[in-house]
């Protein structure tokens, strides 16, 4: 669930960033995908950390 939320957040932030920098549609798509991938990696790490913490208790 964390991964999905952060992925969607990354798409929104990436799209907004590219739009502010006056990018065309391809630029906006590339930023959106790049940010989504980066945020999803962070979400995967957070998920593993939370799983290990909660399963140890």
PDB file of N, CA and C in Angstrom:
ATOM      1  N   UNK A   1       0.820  -1.194   0.000  1.00  0.00           N
ATOM      2  CA  UNK A   1       0.000   0.000   0.000  1.00  0.00           C
ATOM      3  C   UNK A   1       0.869   1.266   0.000  1.00  0.00           C
ATOM      4  N   UNK A   2       1.955   1.207   0.760  1.00  0.00           N
ATOM      5  CA  UNK A   2       2.856   2.355   0.832  1.00  0.00           C
ATOM      6  C   UNK A   2       3.459   2.632  -0.549  1.00  0.00           C
ATOM      7  N   UNK A   3       3.792   1.570  -1.255  1.00  0.00           N
ATOM      8  CA  UNK A   3       4.428   1.712  -2.564  1.00  0.00           C
ATOM      9  C   UNK A   3       3.482   2.401  -3.549  1.00  0.00           C
ATOM     10  N   UNK A   4       2.228   2.012  -3.520  1.00  0.00           N
ATOM     11  CA  UNK A   4       1.244   2.594  -4.441  1.00  0.00           C
ATOM     12  C   UNK A   4       1.045   4.085  -4.145  1.00  0.00           C
ATOM     13  N   UNK A   5       0.908   4.411  -2.870  1.00  0.00           N
ATOM     14  CA  UNK A   5       0.697   5.814  -2.486  1.00  0.00           C
ATOM     15  C   UNK A   5       1.894   6.668  -2.886  1.00  0.00           C
ATOM     16  N   UNK A   6       3.097   6.175  -2.612  1.00  0.00           N
ATOM     17  CA  UNK A   6       4.284   6.946  -2.974  1.00  0.00           C
ATOM     18  C   UNK A   6       4.477   7.009  -4.487  1.00  0.00           C
ATOM     19  N   UNK A   7       4.083   5.971  -5.208  1.00  0.00           N
ATOM     20  CA  UNK A   7       4.158   6.006  -6.664  1.00  0.00           C
ATOM     21  C   UNK A   7       3.261   7.078  -7.256  1.00  0.00           C
ATOM     22  N   UNK A   8       2.048   7.140  -6.766  1.00  0.00           N
ATOM     23  CA  UNK A   8       1.107   8.158  -7.247  1.00  0.00           C
ATOM     24  C   UNK A   8       1.595   9.557  -6.866  1.00  0.00           C
ATOM     25  N   UNK A   9       2.137   9.682  -5.657  1.00  0.00           N
ATOM     26  CA  UNK A   9       2.691  10.964  -5.223  1.00  0.00           C
ATOM     27  C   UNK A   9       3.846  11.384  -6.127  1.00  0.00           C
ATOM     28  N   UNK A  10       4.695  10.425  -6.483  1.00  0.00           N
ATOM     29  CA  UNK A  10       5.813  10.713  -7.375  1.00  0.00           C
ATOM     30  C   UNK A  10       5.364  11.172  -8.746  1.00  0.00           C
ATOM     31  N   UNK A  11       4.321  10.547  -9.261  1.00  0.00           N
ATOM     32  CA  UNK A  11       3.785  10.964 -10.566  1.00  0.00           C
ATOM     33  C   UNK A  11       3.295  12.408 -10.504  1.00  0.00           C
ATOM     34  N   UNK A  12       2.573  12.725  -9.455  1.00  0.00           N
ATOM     35  CA  UNK A  12       2.046  14.085  -9.329  1.00  0.00           C
ATOM     36  C   UNK A  12       3.170  15.111  -9.170  1.00  0.00           C
ATOM     37  N   UNK A  13       4.110  14.827  -8.308  1.00  0.00           N
ATOM     38  CA  UNK A  13       5.207  15.775  -8.090  1.00  0.00           C
ATOM     39  C   UNK A  13       6.055  15.916  -9.349  1.00  0.00           C
ATOM     40  N   UNK A  14       6.326  14.807 -10.017  1.00  0.00           N
ATOM     41  CA  UNK A  14       7.111  14.859 -11.252  1.00  0.00           C
ATOM     42  C   UNK A  14       6.414  15.645 -12.348  1.00  0.00           C
ATOM     43  N   UNK A  15       5.121  15.429 -12.501  1.00  0.00           N
ATOM     44  CA  UNK A  15       4.362  16.159 -13.511  1.00  0.00           C
ATOM     45  C   UNK A  15       4.310  17.645 -13.229  1.00  0.00           C
ATOM     46  N   UNK A  16       4.117  17.986 -11.973  1.00  0.00           N
ATOM     47  CA  UNK A  16       4.067  19.399 -11.597  1.00  0.00           C
ATOM     48  C   UNK A  16       5.431  20.060 -11.803  1.00  0.00           C
ATOM     49  N   UNK A  17       6.498  19.342 -11.443  1.00  0.00           N
ATOM     50  CA  UNK A  17       7.843  19.887 -11.610  1.00  0.00           C
ATOM     51  C   UNK A  17       8.144  20.158 -13.077  1.00  0.00           C
ATOM     52  N   UNK A  18       7.827  19.207 -13.941  1.00  0.00           N
ATOM     53  CA  UNK A  18       8.096  19.391 -15.368  1.00  0.00           C
ATOM     54  C   UNK A  18       7.244  20.510 -15.957  1.00  0.00           C
ATOM     55  N   UNK A  19       6.018  20.618 -15.491  1.00  0.00           N
ATOM     56  CA  UNK A  19       5.147  21.680 -15.991  1.00  0.00           C
ATOM     57  C   UNK A  19       5.666  23.054 -15.571  1.00  0.00           C
ATOM     58  N   UNK A  20       6.167  23.155 -14.340  1.00  0.00           N
ATOM     59  CA  UNK A  20       6.737  24.430 -13.874  1.00  0.00           C
ATOM     60  C   UNK A  20       7.959  24.815 -14.693  1.00  0.00           C
ATOM     61  N   UNK A  21       8.694  23.811 -15.157  1.00  0.00           N
ATOM     62  CA  UNK A  21       9.888  24.079 -15.962  1.00  0.00           C
ATOM     63  C   UNK A  21       9.563  24.215 -17.447  1.00  0.00           C
ATOM     64  N   UNK A  22       8.286  24.320 -17.748  1.00  0.00           N
ATOM     65  CA  UNK A  22       7.782  24.530 -19.109  1.00  0.00           C
ATOM     66  C   UNK A  22       8.166  23.412 -20.070  1.00  0.00           C
ATOM     67  N   UNK A  23       8.032  22.180 -19.616  1.00  0.00           N
ATOM     68  CA  UNK A  23       8.335  21.032 -20.465  1.00  0.00           C
ATOM     69  C   UNK A  23       7.151  20.676 -21.347  1.00  0.00           C
ATOM     70  N   UNK A  24       7.452  19.994 -22.457  1.00  0.00           N
ATOM     71  CA  UNK A  24       6.363  19.527 -23.311  1.00  0.00           C
ATOM     72  C   UNK A  24       5.803  18.218 -22.745  1.00  0.00           C
ATOM     73  N   UNK A  25       4.886  17.585 -23.462  1.00  0.00           N
ATOM     74  CA  UNK A  25       4.230  16.381 -22.942  1.00  0.00           C
ATOM     75  C   UNK A  25       5.211  15.256 -22.666  1.00  0.00           C
ATOM     76  N   UNK A  26       6.197  15.093 -23.520  1.00  0.00           N
ATOM     77  CA  UNK A  26       7.184  14.030 -23.308  1.00  0.00           C
ATOM     78  C   UNK A  26       8.026  14.297 -22.069  1.00  0.00           C
ATOM     79  N   UNK A  27       8.382  15.549 -21.862  1.00  0.00           N
ATOM     80  CA  UNK A  27       9.134  15.904 -20.660  1.00  0.00           C
ATOM     81  C   UNK A  27       8.321  15.619 -19.403  1.00  0.00           C
ATOM     82  N   UNK A  28       7.053  16.002 -19.433  1.00  0.00           N
ATOM     83  CA  UNK A  28       6.178  15.777 -18.283  1.00  0.00           C
ATOM     84  C   UNK A  28       6.048  14.285 -18.001  1.00  0.00           C
ATOM     85  N   UNK A  29       5.874  13.488 -19.051  1.00  0.00           N
ATOM     86  CA  UNK A  29       5.757  12.037 -18.869  1.00  0.00           C
ATOM     87  C   UNK A  29       7.050  11.449 -18.308  1.00  0.00           C
ATOM     88  N   UNK A  30       8.179  11.901 -18.810  1.00  0.00           N
ATOM     89  CA  UNK A  30       9.457  11.374 -18.343  1.00  0.00           C
ATOM     90  C   UNK A  30       9.697  11.737 -16.876  1.00  0.00           C
ATOM     91  N   UNK A  31       9.424  12.965 -16.499  1.00  0.00           N
ATOM     92  CA  UNK A  31       9.572  13.364 -15.105  1.00  0.00           C
ATOM     93  C   UNK A  31       8.619  12.568 -14.218  1.00  0.00           C
ATOM     94  N   UNK A  32       7.389  12.400 -14.666  1.00  0.00           N
ATOM     95  CA  UNK A  32       6.402  11.668 -13.870  1.00  0.00           C
ATOM     96  C   UNK A  32       6.859  10.233 -13.624  1.00  0.00           C
ATOM     97  N   UNK A  33       7.332   9.567 -14.652  1.00  0.00           N
ATOM     98  CA  UNK A  33       7.783   8.183 -14.498  1.00  0.00           C
ATOM     99  C   UNK A  33       9.048   8.112 -13.646  1.00  0.00           C
ATOM    100  N   UNK A  34       9.970   9.022 -13.871  1.00  0.00           N
ATOM    101  CA  UNK A  34      11.207   9.032 -13.095  1.00  0.00           C
ATOM    102  C   UNK A  34      10.955   9.248 -11.607  1.00  0.00           C
ATOM    103  N   UNK A  35      10.123  10.226 -11.290  1.00  0.00           N
ATOM    104  CA  UNK A  35       9.805  10.488  -9.895  1.00  0.00           C
ATOM    105  C   UNK A  35       9.037   9.320  -9.292  1.00  0.00           C
ATOM    106  N   UNK A  36       8.124   8.735 -10.055  1.00  0.00           N
ATOM    107  CA  UNK A  36       7.358   7.593  -9.545  1.00  0.00           C
ATOM    108  C   UNK A  36       8.281   6.426  -9.218  1.00  0.00           C
ATOM    109  N   UNK A  37       9.231   6.153 -10.090  1.00  0.00           N
ATOM    110  CA  UNK A  37      10.162   5.052  -9.833  1.00  0.00           C
ATOM    111  C   UNK A  37      11.001   5.324  -8.592  1.00  0.00           C
ATOM    112  N   UNK A  38      11.490   6.546  -8.456  1.00  0.00           N
ATOM    113  CA  UNK A  38      12.298   6.887  -7.292  1.00  0.00           C
ATOM    114  C   UNK A  38      11.485   6.772  -6.002  1.00  0.00           C
ATOM    115  N   UNK A  39      10.267   7.279  -6.019  1.00  0.00           N
ATOM    116  CA  UNK A  39       9.426   7.222  -4.824  1.00  0.00           C
ATOM    117  C   UNK A  39       9.027   5.783  -4.510  1.00  0.00           C
ATOM    118  N   UNK A  40       8.834   4.958  -5.532  1.00  0.00           N
ATOM    119  CA  UNK A  40       8.473   3.569  -5.290  1.00  0.00           C
ATOM    120  C   UNK A  40       9.635   2.782  -4.683  1.00  0.00           C
ATOM    121  N   UNK A  41      10.858   3.112  -5.049  1.00  0.00           N
ATOM    122  CA  UNK A  41      12.016   2.470  -4.422  1.00  0.00           C
ATOM    123  C   UNK A  41      12.052   2.830  -2.936  1.00  0.00           C
ATOM    124  N   UNK A  42      11.822   4.087  -2.626  1.00  0.00           N
ATOM    125  CA  UNK A  42      11.772   4.508  -1.226  1.00  0.00           C
ATOM    126  C   UNK A  42      10.631   3.783  -0.504  1.00  0.00           C
ATOM    127  N   UNK A  43       9.490   3.645  -1.164  1.00  0.00           N
ATOM    128  CA  UNK A  43       8.359   2.931  -0.569  1.00  0.00           C
ATOM    129  C   UNK A  43       8.668   1.467  -0.317  1.00  0.00           C
ATOM    130  N   UNK A  44       9.405   0.843  -1.221  1.00  0.00           N
ATOM    131  CA  UNK A  44       9.791  -0.556  -1.030  1.00  0.00           C
ATOM    132  C   UNK A  44      10.705  -0.696   0.190  1.00  0.00           C
ATOM    133  N   UNK A  45      11.656   0.222   0.321  1.00  0.00           N
ATOM    134  CA  UNK A  45      12.561   0.178   1.471  1.00  0.00           C
ATOM    135  C   UNK A  45      11.784   0.389   2.773  1.00  0.00           C
ATOM    136  N   UNK A  46      10.872   1.356   2.783  1.00  0.00           N
ATOM    137  CA  UNK A  46      10.057   1.603   3.976  1.00  0.00           C
ATOM    138  C   UNK A  46       9.196   0.396   4.323  1.00  0.00           C
ATOM    139  N   UNK A  47       8.647  -0.265   3.317  1.00  0.00           N
ATOM    140  CA  UNK A  47       7.826  -1.441   3.544  1.00  0.00           C
ATOM    141  C   UNK A  47       8.640  -2.564   4.180  1.00  0.00           C
ATOM    142  N   UNK A  48       9.832  -2.790   3.677  1.00  0.00           N
ATOM    143  CA  UNK A  48      10.690  -3.842   4.249  1.00  0.00           C
ATOM    144  C   UNK A  48      11.074  -3.496   5.680  1.00  0.00           C
ATOM    145  N   UNK A  49      11.436  -2.243   5.930  1.00  0.00           N
ATOM    146  CA  UNK A  49      11.813  -1.834   7.290  1.00  0.00           C
ATOM    147  C   UNK A  49      10.637  -2.001   8.243  1.00  0.00           C
ATOM    148  N   UNK A  50       9.459  -1.538   7.841  1.00  0.00           N
ATOM    149  CA  UNK A  50       8.276  -1.669   8.707  1.00  0.00           C
ATOM    150  C   UNK A  50       7.925  -3.132   8.948  1.00  0.00           C
ATOM    151  N   UNK A  51       8.031  -3.963   7.934  1.00  0.00           N
ATOM    152  CA  UNK A  51       7.726  -5.380   8.083  1.00  0.00           C
ATOM    153  C   UNK A  51       8.676  -6.038   9.075  1.00  0.00           C
ATOM    154  N   UNK A  52       9.945  -5.704   8.990  1.00  0.00           N
ATOM    155  CA  UNK A  52      10.932  -6.287   9.914  1.00  0.00           C
ATOM    156  C   UNK A  52      10.712  -5.794  11.340  1.00  0.00           C
ATOM    157  N   UNK A  53      10.370  -4.525  11.487  1.00  0.00           N
ATOM    158  CA  UNK A  53      10.134  -3.981  12.834  1.00  0.00           C
ATOM    159  C   UNK A  53       8.892  -4.604  13.445  1.00  0.00           C
ATOM    160  N   UNK A  54       7.815  -4.681  12.670  1.00  0.00           N
ATOM    161  CA  UNK A  54       6.552  -5.196  13.205  1.00  0.00           C
ATOM    162  C   UNK A  54       6.572  -6.705  13.427  1.00  0.00           C
ATOM    163  N   UNK A  55       7.312  -7.445  12.613  1.00  0.00           N
ATOM    164  CA  UNK A  55       7.355  -8.891  12.798  1.00  0.00           C
ATOM    165  C   UNK A  55       8.299  -9.287  13.928  1.00  0.00           C
ATOM    166  N   UNK A  56       9.224  -8.406  14.317  1.00  0.00           N
ATOM    167  CA  UNK A  56      10.132  -8.694  15.428  1.00  0.00           C
ATOM    168  C   UNK A  56       9.444  -8.500  16.779  1.00  0.00           C
ATOM    169  N   UNK A  57       8.391  -7.710  16.790  1.00  0.00           N
ATOM    170  CA  UNK A  57       7.736  -7.410  18.063  1.00  0.00           C
ATOM    171  C   UNK A  57       6.829  -8.515  18.538  1.00  0.00           C
TER     172      UNK A  57
END
